[in-house]
Amino acid sequence: MKDAKNRYKEIVASVPAEIKAEVDLSFAISDRIDFLMHEKGLSKKQLADALGRRPSEVTKWLSGQHNFTIATLAMLSTFFQHPIIRVG
């Protein structure tokens, strides 16, 4: 077990900083969308219907693995009337 933990630490340490930053940002965005959905009391289906999207797309947004476009982030910010991300 100790070897597995050490190996895991080695693998994590070898991940480039920009990849770590990308993963952190991806999950921060999905967490923000999830928070705003809950604040408005929306299910995935309700959000998808309101935006004219498929529920599977909302699921992908919430997975933390979606590569958002600026247009999608702007659309979500406008819909929720709150920024999804802040720059500067």
N, C-alpha and C. Protein backbone atom coordinates (compact mmCIF):
# COMPACT_ATOMS: atom_id res chain seq x y z
N MET A 1 0.83 -1.19 0.00
CA MET A 1 0.00 0.00 0.00
C MET A 1 0.87 1.26 0.00
N LYS A 2 1.96 1.22 0.77
CA LYS A 2 2.86 2.36 0.84
C LYS A 2 3.46 2.64 -0.53
N ASP A 3 3.81 1.58 -1.27
CA ASP A 3 4.37 1.75 -2.61
C ASP A 3 3.36 2.42 -3.54
N ALA A 4 2.10 2.03 -3.43
CA ALA A 4 1.06 2.62 -4.27
C ALA A 4 0.89 4.10 -3.96
N LYS A 5 0.93 4.47 -2.70
CA LYS A 5 0.81 5.88 -2.31
C LYS A 5 2.00 6.67 -2.83
N ASN A 6 3.19 6.10 -2.69
CA ASN A 6 4.38 6.79 -3.19
C ASN A 6 4.33 6.95 -4.70
N ARG A 7 3.90 5.93 -5.39
CA ARG A 7 3.80 5.99 -6.85
C ARG A 7 2.77 7.04 -7.27
N TYR A 8 1.66 7.08 -6.56
CA TYR A 8 0.62 8.08 -6.84
C TYR A 8 1.20 9.49 -6.68
N LYS A 9 1.93 9.72 -5.59
CA LYS A 9 2.54 11.03 -5.35
C LYS A 9 3.52 11.40 -6.46
N GLU A 10 4.27 10.42 -6.94
CA GLU A 10 5.22 10.66 -8.03
C GLU A 10 4.47 11.06 -9.31
N ILE A 11 3.41 10.36 -9.59
CA ILE A 11 2.63 10.65 -10.80
C ILE A 11 2.04 12.05 -10.73
N VAL A 12 1.42 12.38 -9.60
CA VAL A 12 0.82 13.71 -9.43
C VAL A 12 1.89 14.80 -9.54
N ALA A 13 3.04 14.57 -8.96
CA ALA A 13 4.12 15.56 -9.00
C ALA A 13 4.64 15.76 -10.42
N SER A 14 4.49 14.76 -11.28
CA SER A 14 5.01 14.87 -12.64
C SER A 14 4.04 15.58 -13.60
N VAL A 15 2.84 15.88 -13.15
CA VAL A 15 1.87 16.57 -14.00
C VAL A 15 2.30 18.03 -14.14
N PRO A 16 2.39 18.52 -15.37
CA PRO A 16 2.81 19.92 -15.57
C PRO A 16 1.85 20.90 -14.91
N ALA A 17 2.39 22.02 -14.46
CA ALA A 17 1.61 23.04 -13.75
C ALA A 17 0.44 23.54 -14.58
N GLU A 18 0.64 23.70 -15.89
CA GLU A 18 -0.46 24.21 -16.73
C GLU A 18 -1.61 23.21 -16.82
N ILE A 19 -1.32 21.93 -16.76
CA ILE A 19 -2.38 20.92 -16.77
C ILE A 19 -3.13 20.96 -15.44
N LYS A 20 -2.40 21.09 -14.34
CA LYS A 20 -3.05 21.21 -13.04
C LYS A 20 -3.96 22.44 -13.01
N ALA A 21 -3.49 23.56 -13.55
CA ALA A 21 -4.28 24.79 -13.59
C ALA A 21 -5.53 24.60 -14.45
N GLU A 22 -5.39 23.92 -15.58
CA GLU A 22 -6.54 23.66 -16.46
C GLU A 22 -7.59 22.81 -15.76
N VAL A 23 -7.15 21.77 -15.09
CA VAL A 23 -8.08 20.89 -14.36
C VAL A 23 -8.78 21.66 -13.24
N ASP A 24 -8.01 22.45 -12.50
CA ASP A 24 -8.60 23.25 -11.42
C ASP A 24 -9.65 24.22 -11.96
N LEU A 25 -9.35 24.88 -13.08
CA LEU A 25 -10.29 25.83 -13.66
C LEU A 25 -11.53 25.12 -14.19
N SER A 26 -11.35 23.97 -14.83
CA SER A 26 -12.49 23.20 -15.35
C SER A 26 -13.45 22.82 -14.23
N PHE A 27 -12.89 22.36 -13.11
CA PHE A 27 -13.76 21.97 -12.00
C PHE A 27 -14.36 23.19 -11.31
N ALA A 28 -13.66 24.30 -11.27
CA ALA A 28 -14.22 25.53 -10.69
C ALA A 28 -15.42 26.01 -11.51
N ILE A 29 -15.32 25.91 -12.83
CA ILE A 29 -16.43 26.30 -13.70
C ILE A 29 -17.62 25.38 -13.49
N SER A 30 -17.39 24.08 -13.47
CA SER A 30 -18.51 23.15 -13.27
C SER A 30 -19.14 23.34 -11.89
N ASP A 31 -18.32 23.59 -10.88
CA ASP A 31 -18.85 23.85 -9.54
C ASP A 31 -19.70 25.11 -9.51
N ARG A 32 -19.27 26.14 -10.24
CA ARG A 32 -20.02 27.40 -10.30
C ARG A 32 -21.37 27.20 -10.97
N ILE A 33 -21.40 26.47 -12.06
CA ILE A 33 -22.66 26.19 -12.75
C ILE A 33 -23.59 25.40 -11.84
N ASP A 34 -23.04 24.39 -11.17
CA ASP A 34 -23.84 23.58 -10.24
C ASP A 34 -24.40 24.46 -9.12
N PHE A 35 -23.59 25.34 -8.56
CA PHE A 35 -24.05 26.24 -7.50
C PHE A 35 -25.20 27.12 -7.98
N LEU A 36 -25.02 27.72 -9.17
CA LEU A 36 -26.06 28.60 -9.70
C LEU A 36 -27.34 27.84 -10.04
N MET A 37 -27.20 26.62 -10.51
CA MET A 37 -28.38 25.79 -10.77
C MET A 37 -29.15 25.53 -9.47
N HIS A 38 -28.42 25.15 -8.44
CA HIS A 38 -29.07 24.88 -7.16
C HIS A 38 -29.69 26.14 -6.57
N GLU A 39 -29.02 27.26 -6.75
CA GLU A 39 -29.53 28.54 -6.24
C GLU A 39 -30.87 28.88 -6.90
N LYS A 40 -31.01 28.55 -8.19
CA LYS A 40 -32.25 28.80 -8.91
C LYS A 40 -33.23 27.62 -8.82
N GLY A 41 -32.80 26.54 -8.18
CA GLY A 41 -33.65 25.36 -8.05
C GLY A 41 -33.89 24.63 -9.36
N LEU A 42 -32.88 24.63 -10.23
CA LEU A 42 -33.02 24.00 -11.54
C LEU A 42 -32.39 22.62 -11.59
N SER A 43 -33.08 21.70 -12.21
CA SER A 43 -32.50 20.39 -12.51
C SER A 43 -31.72 20.51 -13.82
N LYS A 44 -30.96 19.47 -14.15
CA LYS A 44 -30.23 19.46 -15.43
C LYS A 44 -31.20 19.60 -16.60
N LYS A 45 -32.30 18.89 -16.53
CA LYS A 45 -33.28 18.94 -17.61
C LYS A 45 -33.90 20.33 -17.74
N GLN A 46 -34.22 20.94 -16.62
CA GLN A 46 -34.80 22.28 -16.66
C GLN A 46 -33.82 23.29 -17.25
N LEU A 47 -32.55 23.20 -16.87
CA LEU A 47 -31.55 24.10 -17.43
C LEU A 47 -31.41 23.85 -18.93
N ALA A 48 -31.32 22.60 -19.31
CA ALA A 48 -31.19 22.26 -20.73
C ALA A 48 -32.37 22.81 -21.52
N ASP A 49 -33.58 22.61 -21.02
CA ASP A 49 -34.77 23.09 -21.71
C ASP A 49 -34.76 24.62 -21.83
N ALA A 50 -34.37 25.30 -20.76
CA ALA A 50 -34.34 26.77 -20.76
C ALA A 50 -33.33 27.32 -21.76
N LEU A 51 -32.27 26.58 -22.00
CA LEU A 51 -31.21 27.03 -22.90
C LEU A 51 -31.30 26.43 -24.30
N GLY A 52 -32.28 25.56 -24.51
CA GLY A 52 -32.42 24.90 -25.81
C GLY A 52 -31.30 23.90 -26.07
N ARG A 53 -30.84 23.27 -25.02
CA ARG A 53 -29.76 22.28 -25.12
C ARG A 53 -30.27 20.92 -24.68
N ARG A 54 -29.46 19.90 -24.91
CA ARG A 54 -29.80 18.55 -24.45
C ARG A 54 -29.33 18.37 -23.01
N PRO A 55 -30.07 17.60 -22.21
CA PRO A 55 -29.61 17.33 -20.83
C PRO A 55 -28.22 16.71 -20.79
N SER A 56 -27.87 15.92 -21.80
CA SER A 56 -26.54 15.30 -21.83
C SER A 56 -25.43 16.35 -21.93
N GLU A 57 -25.73 17.48 -22.58
CA GLU A 57 -24.74 18.54 -22.67
C GLU A 57 -24.53 19.19 -21.30
N VAL A 58 -25.62 19.39 -20.57
CA VAL A 58 -25.51 19.95 -19.21
C VAL A 58 -24.73 18.98 -18.32
N THR A 59 -24.98 17.70 -18.47
CA THR A 59 -24.23 16.70 -17.71
C THR A 59 -22.74 16.82 -18.01
N LYS A 60 -22.40 17.02 -19.27
CA LYS A 60 -20.99 17.18 -19.65
C LYS A 60 -20.41 18.44 -19.02
N TRP A 61 -21.18 19.54 -19.00
CA TRP A 61 -20.71 20.78 -18.38
C TRP A 61 -20.39 20.54 -16.91
N LEU A 62 -21.23 19.76 -16.24
CA LEU A 62 -21.08 19.53 -14.80
C LEU A 62 -20.02 18.48 -14.47
N SER A 63 -19.50 17.80 -15.48
CA SER A 63 -18.51 16.74 -15.24
C SER A 63 -17.13 17.30 -14.91
N GLY A 64 -16.90 18.57 -15.26
CA GLY A 64 -15.58 19.15 -15.06
C GLY A 64 -14.61 18.80 -16.17
N GLN A 65 -15.12 18.19 -17.24
CA GLN A 65 -14.26 17.78 -18.34
C GLN A 65 -14.62 18.44 -19.67
N HIS A 66 -15.53 19.40 -19.62
CA HIS A 66 -15.97 20.08 -20.85
C HIS A 66 -15.03 21.23 -21.17
N ASN A 67 -14.70 21.39 -22.43
CA ASN A 67 -13.87 22.50 -22.88
C ASN A 67 -14.80 23.63 -23.34
N PHE A 68 -15.10 24.55 -22.44
CA PHE A 68 -16.06 25.62 -22.72
C PHE A 68 -15.53 26.62 -23.72
N THR A 69 -16.43 27.09 -24.58
CA THR A 69 -16.11 28.22 -25.45
C THR A 69 -16.49 29.50 -24.70
N ILE A 70 -15.93 30.60 -25.13
CA ILE A 70 -16.28 31.89 -24.54
C ILE A 70 -17.77 32.16 -24.77
N ALA A 71 -18.28 31.76 -25.93
CA ALA A 71 -19.70 31.97 -26.23
C ALA A 71 -20.60 31.22 -25.24
N THR A 72 -20.24 30.00 -24.91
CA THR A 72 -21.05 29.22 -23.96
C THR A 72 -20.96 29.84 -22.56
N LEU A 73 -19.77 30.26 -22.15
CA LEU A 73 -19.63 30.90 -20.85
C LEU A 73 -20.43 32.20 -20.79
N ALA A 74 -20.43 32.97 -21.86
CA ALA A 74 -21.20 34.21 -21.92
C ALA A 74 -22.70 33.92 -21.86
N MET A 75 -23.13 32.87 -22.57
CA MET A 75 -24.54 32.49 -22.56
C MET A 75 -24.98 32.10 -21.15
N LEU A 76 -24.15 31.29 -20.48
CA LEU A 76 -24.49 30.85 -19.12
C LEU A 76 -24.48 32.02 -18.14
N SER A 77 -23.51 32.91 -18.27
CA SER A 77 -23.45 34.09 -17.41
C SER A 77 -24.69 34.97 -17.60
N THR A 78 -25.11 35.13 -18.84
CA THR A 78 -26.30 35.93 -19.13
C THR A 78 -27.55 35.25 -18.57
N PHE A 79 -27.67 33.95 -18.77
CA PHE A 79 -28.83 33.22 -18.27
C PHE A 79 -28.93 33.34 -16.75
N PHE A 80 -27.84 33.09 -16.06
CA PHE A 80 -27.86 33.11 -14.59
C PHE A 80 -27.79 34.53 -14.02
N GLN A 81 -27.46 35.50 -14.86
CA GLN A 81 -27.28 36.88 -14.44
C GLN A 81 -26.20 37.01 -13.36
N HIS A 82 -25.22 36.13 -13.47
CA HIS A 82 -24.04 36.12 -12.61
C HIS A 82 -22.87 35.59 -13.44
N PRO A 83 -21.68 36.10 -13.22
CA PRO A 83 -20.54 35.59 -13.99
C PRO A 83 -20.22 34.14 -13.64
N ILE A 84 -19.84 33.40 -14.66
CA ILE A 84 -19.38 32.04 -14.44
C ILE A 84 -17.90 32.08 -14.06
N ILE A 85 -17.15 32.95 -14.73
CA ILE A 85 -15.73 33.16 -14.38
C ILE A 85 -15.50 34.67 -14.31
N ARG A 86 -14.46 35.03 -13.60
CA ARG A 86 -14.04 36.44 -13.52
C ARG A 86 -12.62 36.54 -14.03
N VAL A 87 -12.36 37.56 -14.79
CA VAL A 87 -11.02 37.78 -15.34
C VAL A 87 -10.49 39.09 -14.77
N GLY A 88 -9.26 39.03 -14.30
CA GLY A 88 -8.62 40.25 -13.84
C GLY A 88 -8.77 40.57 -12.41
